[in-house]
C-alpha atoms as a PDB file:
ATOM      1  CA  MET A   1    -100.772   1.046  -3.660  1.00  0.00           C
ATOM      2  CA  SER A   2    -103.377   3.199  -1.932  1.00  0.00           C
ATOM      3  CA  PHE A   3    -105.743   5.706  -3.568  1.00  0.00           C
ATOM      4  CA  GLU A   4    -103.897   8.606  -1.906  1.00  0.00           C
ATOM      5  CA  PHE A   5    -100.625   7.453  -3.410  1.00  0.00           C
ATOM      6  CA  ARG A   6    -102.066   7.190  -6.926  1.00  0.00           C
ATOM      7  CA  PHE A   7    -103.768  10.589  -6.585  1.00  0.00           C
ATOM      8  CA  SER A   8    -100.610  12.322  -5.409  1.00  0.00           C
ATOM      9  CA  ARG A   9     -98.623  10.590  -8.121  1.00  0.00           C
ATOM     10  CA  PHE A  10    -100.636  12.399 -10.811  1.00  0.00           C
ATOM     11  CA  PHE A  11    -101.456  15.655  -9.009  1.00  0.00           C
ATOM     12  CA  SER A  12     -98.945  17.458  -6.845  1.00  0.00           C
ATOM     13  CA  PRO A  13    -100.326  19.612  -3.997  1.00  0.00           C
ATOM     14  CA  ALA A  14     -99.390  22.755  -5.950  1.00  0.00           C
ATOM     15  CA  VAL A  15    -101.445  21.623  -8.970  1.00  0.00           C
ATOM     16  CA  VAL A  16    -104.458  20.872  -6.755  1.00  0.00           C
ATOM     17  CA  ILE A  17    -104.238  24.319  -5.125  1.00  0.00           C
ATOM     18  CA  ILE A  18    -103.961  26.046  -8.514  1.00  0.00           C
ATOM     19  CA  LEU A  19    -106.993  24.117  -9.813  1.00  0.00           C
ATOM     20  CA  LEU A  20    -109.025  25.066  -6.744  1.00  0.00           C
ATOM     21  CA  LEU A  21    -108.050  28.741  -7.079  1.00  0.00           C
ATOM     22  CA  PHE A  22    -108.870  28.728 -10.790  1.00  0.00           C
ATOM     23  CA  ASN A  23    -112.270  27.187 -10.112  1.00  0.00           C
ATOM     24  CA  SER A  24    -113.091  29.678  -7.344  1.00  0.00           C
ATOM     25  CA  CYS A  25    -112.139  32.680  -9.503  1.00  0.00           C
ATOM     26  CA  SER A  26    -114.624  31.954 -12.262  1.00  0.00           C
ATOM     27  CA  GLU A  27    -116.993  34.801 -13.061  1.00  0.00           C
ATOM     28  CA  GLU A  28    -120.292  34.797 -11.235  1.00  0.00           C
ATOM     29  CA  SER A  29    -123.403  35.537 -13.205  1.00  0.00           C
ATOM     30  CA  ASN A  30    -126.254  37.682 -11.922  1.00  0.00           C
ATOM     31  CA  GLU A  31    -128.604  35.794 -14.213  1.00  0.00           C
ATOM     32  CA  GLU A  32    -130.793  33.009 -12.904  1.00  0.00           C
ATOM     33  CA  PRO A  33    -130.140  29.546 -14.364  1.00  0.00           C
ATOM     34  CA  ASN A  34    -132.044  28.922 -17.605  1.00  0.00           C
ATOM     35  CA  GLN A  35    -133.038  32.619 -17.735  1.00  0.00           C
ATOM     36  CA  VAL A  36    -132.569  34.065 -21.226  1.00  0.00           C
ATOM     37  CA  ASN A  37    -130.704  37.367 -21.477  1.00  0.00           C
ATOM     38  CA  TRP A  38    -132.567  38.790 -24.477  1.00  0.00           C
ATOM     39  CA  GLU A  39    -130.185  41.737 -24.979  1.00  0.00           C
ATOM     40  CA  LYS A  40    -127.223  39.370 -25.379  1.00  0.00           C
ATOM     41  CA  ARG A  41    -129.123  37.433 -28.045  1.00  0.00           C
ATOM     42  CA  SER A  42    -130.017  40.521 -30.118  1.00  0.00           C
ATOM     43  CA  PHE A  43    -128.423  41.181 -33.494  1.00  0.00           C
ATOM     44  CA  THR A  44    -128.996  43.200 -36.645  1.00  0.00           C
ATOM     45  CA  THR A  45    -130.098  41.462 -39.783  1.00  0.00           C
ATOM     46  CA  PRO A  46    -131.059  42.817 -43.181  1.00  0.00           C
ATOM     47  CA  ILE A  47    -134.560  42.115 -44.442  1.00  0.00           C
ATOM     48  CA  THR A  48    -134.349  40.339 -47.766  1.00  0.00           C
ATOM     49  CA  SER A  49    -137.021  39.945 -50.405  1.00  0.00           C
ATOM     50  CA  GLN A  50    -137.122  36.224 -49.549  1.00  0.00           C
ATOM     51  CA  THR A  51    -138.052  36.896 -45.912  1.00  0.00           C
ATOM     52  CA  GLU A  52    -141.549  35.892 -44.848  1.00  0.00           C
ATOM     53  CA  LYS A  53    -143.060  37.613 -41.796  1.00  0.00           C
ATOM     54  CA  GLY A  54    -145.466  35.940 -39.403  1.00  0.00           C
ATOM     55  CA  GLU A  55    -147.349  36.428 -36.160  1.00  0.00           C
ATOM     56  CA  THR A  56    -148.345  33.690 -33.713  1.00  0.00           C
ATOM     57  CA  TYR A  57    -150.845  33.792 -30.840  1.00  0.00           C
ATOM     58  CA  LEU A  58    -150.372  31.561 -27.766  1.00  0.00           C
ATOM     59  CA  SER A  59    -152.820  31.237 -24.865  1.00  0.00           C
ATOM     60  CA  VAL A  60    -151.375  30.711 -21.380  1.00  0.00           C
ATOM     61  CA  TYR A  61    -152.987  30.078 -18.011  1.00  0.00           C
ATOM     62  CA  SER A  62    -151.177  31.297 -14.895  1.00  0.00           C
ATOM     63  CA  GLU A  63    -154.207  30.209 -12.878  1.00  0.00           C
ATOM     64  CA  ILE A  64    -157.253  28.053 -13.502  1.00  0.00           C
ATOM     65  CA  TYR A  65    -160.572  27.742 -11.719  1.00  0.00           C
ATOM     66  CA  SER A  66    -161.423  24.776  -9.527  1.00  0.00           C
ATOM     67  CA  MET A  67    -164.922  23.965  -8.309  1.00  0.00           C
ATOM     68  CA  SER A  68    -166.049  27.629  -8.601  1.00  0.00           C
ATOM     69  CA  GLN A  69    -164.895  31.020  -9.771  1.00  0.00           C
ATOM     70  CA  HIS A  70    -163.754  31.760  -6.222  1.00  0.00           C
ATOM     71  CA  ARG A  71    -161.144  28.995  -6.024  1.00  0.00           C
ATOM     72  CA  THR A  72    -158.131  28.879  -8.297  1.00  0.00           C
ATOM     73  CA  HIS A  73    -154.949  26.868  -8.759  1.00  0.00           C
ATOM     74  CA  HIS A  74    -151.777  28.753  -9.590  1.00  0.00           C
ATOM     75  CA  LEU A  75    -149.676  27.269 -12.387  1.00  0.00           C
ATOM     76  CA  THR A  76    -146.071  27.451 -13.511  1.00  0.00           C
ATOM     77  CA  VAL A  77    -145.982  28.241 -17.232  1.00  0.00           C
ATOM     78  CA  THR A  78    -143.135  27.312 -19.569  1.00  0.00           C
ATOM     79  CA  ILE A  79    -143.349  28.926 -23.011  1.00  0.00           C
ATOM     80  CA  SER A  80    -141.209  27.229 -25.659  1.00  0.00           C
ATOM     81  CA  MET A  81    -140.191  28.964 -28.877  1.00  0.00           C
ATOM     82  CA  ARG A  82    -138.817  26.289 -31.209  1.00  0.00           C
ATOM     83  CA  ASN A  83    -137.035  26.315 -34.543  1.00  0.00           C
ATOM     84  CA  MET A  84    -137.876  23.018 -36.259  1.00  0.00           C
ATOM     85  CA  ASN A  85    -135.564  23.698 -39.222  1.00  0.00           C
ATOM     86  CA  ARG A  86    -132.384  21.669 -39.576  1.00  0.00           C
ATOM     87  CA  LYS A  87    -130.587  24.350 -41.626  1.00  0.00           C
ATOM     88  CA  ASP A  88    -132.517  27.632 -41.518  1.00  0.00           C
ATOM     89  CA  THR A  89    -132.382  30.270 -38.797  1.00  0.00           C
ATOM     90  CA  ILE A  90    -135.541  32.017 -37.633  1.00  0.00           C
ATOM     91  CA  VAL A  91    -135.630  35.595 -36.356  1.00  0.00           C
ATOM     92  CA  LEU A  92    -137.962  36.415 -33.479  1.00  0.00           C
ATOM     93  CA  ASP A  93    -138.764  40.143 -33.574  1.00  0.00           C
ATOM     94  CA  LYS A  94    -141.095  40.575 -30.597  1.00  0.00           C
ATOM     95  CA  ALA A  95    -142.605  38.661 -27.663  1.00  0.00           C
ATOM     96  CA  GLU A  96    -145.447  40.346 -25.761  1.00  0.00           C
ATOM     97  CA  TYR A  97    -147.406  39.084 -22.755  1.00  0.00           C
ATOM     98  CA  PHE A  98    -151.009  40.256 -22.163  1.00  0.00           C
ATOM     99  CA  ASP A  99    -153.386  39.585 -19.273  1.00  0.00           C
ATOM    100  CA  SER A 100    -156.991  38.353 -19.417  1.00  0.00           C
ATOM    101  CA  LYS A 101    -158.228  41.906 -20.014  1.00  0.00           C
ATOM    102  CA  GLY A 102    -155.920  42.391 -22.999  1.00  0.00           C
ATOM    103  CA  GLU A 103    -153.547  44.772 -21.208  1.00  0.00           C
ATOM    104  CA  LEU A 104    -149.846  44.465 -22.020  1.00  0.00           C
ATOM    105  CA  LEU A 105    -148.021  43.085 -18.983  1.00  0.00           C
ATOM    106  CA  LYS A 106    -144.541  42.766 -20.435  1.00  0.00           C
ATOM    107  CA  CYS A 107    -142.656  42.992 -23.680  1.00  0.00           C
ATOM    108  CA  TYR A 108    -139.876  40.407 -23.328  1.00  0.00           C
ATOM    109  CA  PHE A 109    -138.056  41.753 -26.380  1.00  0.00           C
ATOM    110  CA  ASP A 110    -138.766  44.157 -29.235  1.00  0.00           C
ATOM    111  CA  PHE A 111    -135.642  43.591 -31.336  1.00  0.00           C
ATOM    112  CA  PRO A 112    -134.343  40.726 -33.491  1.00  0.00           C
ATOM    113  CA  VAL A 113    -133.402  37.560 -31.588  1.00  0.00           C
ATOM    114  CA  MET A 114    -131.859  34.673 -33.503  1.00  0.00           C
ATOM    115  CA  LEU A 115    -133.247  31.157 -33.123  1.00  0.00           C
ATOM    116  CA  ILE A 116    -130.679  28.856 -34.722  1.00  0.00           C
ATOM    117  CA  PRO A 117    -131.636  25.514 -36.339  1.00  0.00           C
ATOM    118  CA  MET A 118    -133.238  23.063 -33.881  1.00  0.00           C
ATOM    119  CA  GLU A 119    -132.896  25.535 -30.975  1.00  0.00           C
ATOM    120  CA  THR A 120    -135.505  26.132 -28.272  1.00  0.00           C
ATOM    121  CA  LEU A 121    -135.784  29.310 -26.182  1.00  0.00           C
ATOM    122  CA  GLU A 122    -138.007  29.489 -23.126  1.00  0.00           C
ATOM    123  CA  ILE A 123    -139.895  31.996 -21.036  1.00  0.00           C
ATOM    124  CA  VAL A 124    -140.943  30.800 -17.582  1.00  0.00           C
ATOM    125  CA  LEU A 125    -143.772  32.373 -15.592  1.00  0.00           C
ATOM    126  CA  GLU A 126    -143.362  31.347 -11.971  1.00  0.00           C
ATOM    127  CA  GLN A 127    -146.261  29.770 -10.077  1.00  0.00           C
ATOM    128  CA  ASP A 128    -146.752  32.826  -7.849  1.00  0.00           C
ATOM    129  CA  ASP A 129    -146.958  35.176 -10.872  1.00  0.00           C
ATOM    130  CA  VAL A 130    -150.693  35.171 -11.622  1.00  0.00           C
ATOM    131  CA  LYS A 131    -150.883  38.597 -13.311  1.00  0.00           C
ATOM    132  CA  GLY A 132    -151.917  36.994 -16.608  1.00  0.00           C
ATOM    133  CA  GLY A 133    -154.875  35.263 -15.001  1.00  0.00           C
ATOM    134  CA  SER A 134    -156.924  32.510 -16.575  1.00  0.00           C
ATOM    135  CA  GLY A 135    -156.826  34.158 -19.993  1.00  0.00           C
ATOM    136  CA  GLY A 136    -153.231  35.280 -20.497  1.00  0.00           C
ATOM    137  CA  ASN A 137    -151.934  35.693 -24.051  1.00  0.00           C
ATOM    138  CA  PHE A 138    -148.607  35.882 -25.848  1.00  0.00           C
ATOM    139  CA  MET A 139    -148.060  37.407 -29.268  1.00  0.00           C
ATOM    140  CA  PHE A 140    -144.895  36.620 -31.213  1.00  0.00           C
ATOM    141  CA  ASN A 141    -143.657  38.367 -34.364  1.00  0.00           C
ATOM    142  CA  TRP A 142    -141.090  36.467 -36.398  1.00  0.00           C
ATOM    143  CA  ARG A 143    -139.335  36.155 -39.765  1.00  0.00           C
ATOM    144  CA  LYS A 144    -138.046  33.212 -41.739  1.00  0.00           C
ATOM    145  CA  GLU A 145    -136.767  32.344 -45.185  1.00  0.00           C
ATOM    146  CA  GLU A 146    -139.509  31.659 -47.715  1.00  0.00           C
ATOM    147  CA  ASN A 147    -139.156  27.844 -47.781  1.00  0.00           C
ATOM    148  CA  ALA A 148    -138.308  27.355 -44.092  1.00  0.00           C
ATOM    149  CA  VAL A 149    -140.725  25.741 -41.632  1.00  0.00           C
ATOM    150  CA  ASP A 150    -142.636  28.160 -39.370  1.00  0.00           C
ATOM    151  CA  PRO A 151    -141.468  28.393 -35.753  1.00  0.00           C
ATOM    152  CA  TYR A 152    -143.422  26.367 -33.195  1.00  0.00           C
ATOM    153  CA  PHE A 153    -144.765  27.966 -30.005  1.00  0.00           C
ATOM    154  CA  GLU A 154    -146.067  25.907 -27.107  1.00  0.00           C
ATOM    155  CA  ALA A 155    -146.929  26.501 -23.441  1.00  0.00           C
ATOM    156  CA  VAL A 156    -146.796  23.844 -20.738  1.00  0.00           C
ATOM    157  CA  MET A 157    -148.740  24.665 -17.580  1.00  0.00           C
ATOM    158  CA  ILE A 158    -148.174  22.633 -14.409  1.00  0.00           C
ATOM    159  CA  SER A 159    -149.032  22.612 -10.722  1.00  0.00           C
ATOM    160  CA  THR A 160    -148.148  19.990  -8.144  1.00  0.00           C
ATOM    161  CA  ALA A 161    -149.757  21.295  -4.966  1.00  0.00           C
ATOM    162  CA  SER A 162    -150.306  18.786  -2.152  1.00  0.00           C
ATOM    163  CA  GLN A 163    -150.988  15.398  -3.719  1.00  0.00           C
ATOM    164  CA  GLN A 164    -152.751  16.819  -6.739  1.00  0.00           C
ATOM    165  CA  GLY A 165    -151.007  17.341 -10.029  1.00  0.00           C
ATOM    166  CA  LEU A 166    -152.304  19.343 -12.966  1.00  0.00           C
ATOM    167  CA  SER A 167    -150.616  19.729 -16.336  1.00  0.00           C
ATOM    168  CA  PHE A 168    -151.672  20.625 -19.855  1.00  0.00           C
ATOM    169  CA  ILE A 169    -150.370  22.303 -22.989  1.00  0.00           C
ATOM    170  CA  SER A 170    -151.429  25.044 -25.341  1.00  0.00           C
ATOM    171  CA  GLU A 171    -150.163  25.332 -28.939  1.00  0.00           C
ATOM    172  CA  GLY A 172    -149.543  28.565 -30.794  1.00  0.00           C
ATOM    173  CA  ILE A 173    -151.779  29.554 -33.696  1.00  0.00           C
ATOM    174  CA  LYS A 174    -150.349  31.408 -36.686  1.00  0.00           C
ATOM    175  CA  ILE A 175    -152.586  34.417 -37.331  1.00  0.00           C
ATOM    176  CA  LYS A 176    -150.547  36.152 -40.065  1.00  0.00           C
END
């Protein structure tokens, strides 16, 4: 019994054609892979008396100096927003990106975004995007239930140009 015989025994040509058509008719997305659509994640939530508000600062480096102030390495930055709670949801209210001079470059969202238990959301700054400079900053506003663990914010910066590899992390600091 050959492979072709066994295949055709389970799948008739009509079934194969239907499966191929079904697969080719799936909706295409205009979104890039792993890119978060913040509007789709928005929701309305009442503020309860048990809700604790917080603000976290995170430093990011889209470029770093090498040998002198005239030579820099561009870095890819991955910002992770993590909910370390097993049962409690965290609400992210705002994510703002500032450059080295303190000027607002982008507000990623300014509305409630749900971060379900043990979920991680990411923002990626591509290696060629050096607008933030060597002193870029993120500010996050968030809410959680009174006894829940605070969200965790971390940035991973990496560059693998030529045969040299650079990587390091920065952890968020709760300021409120």
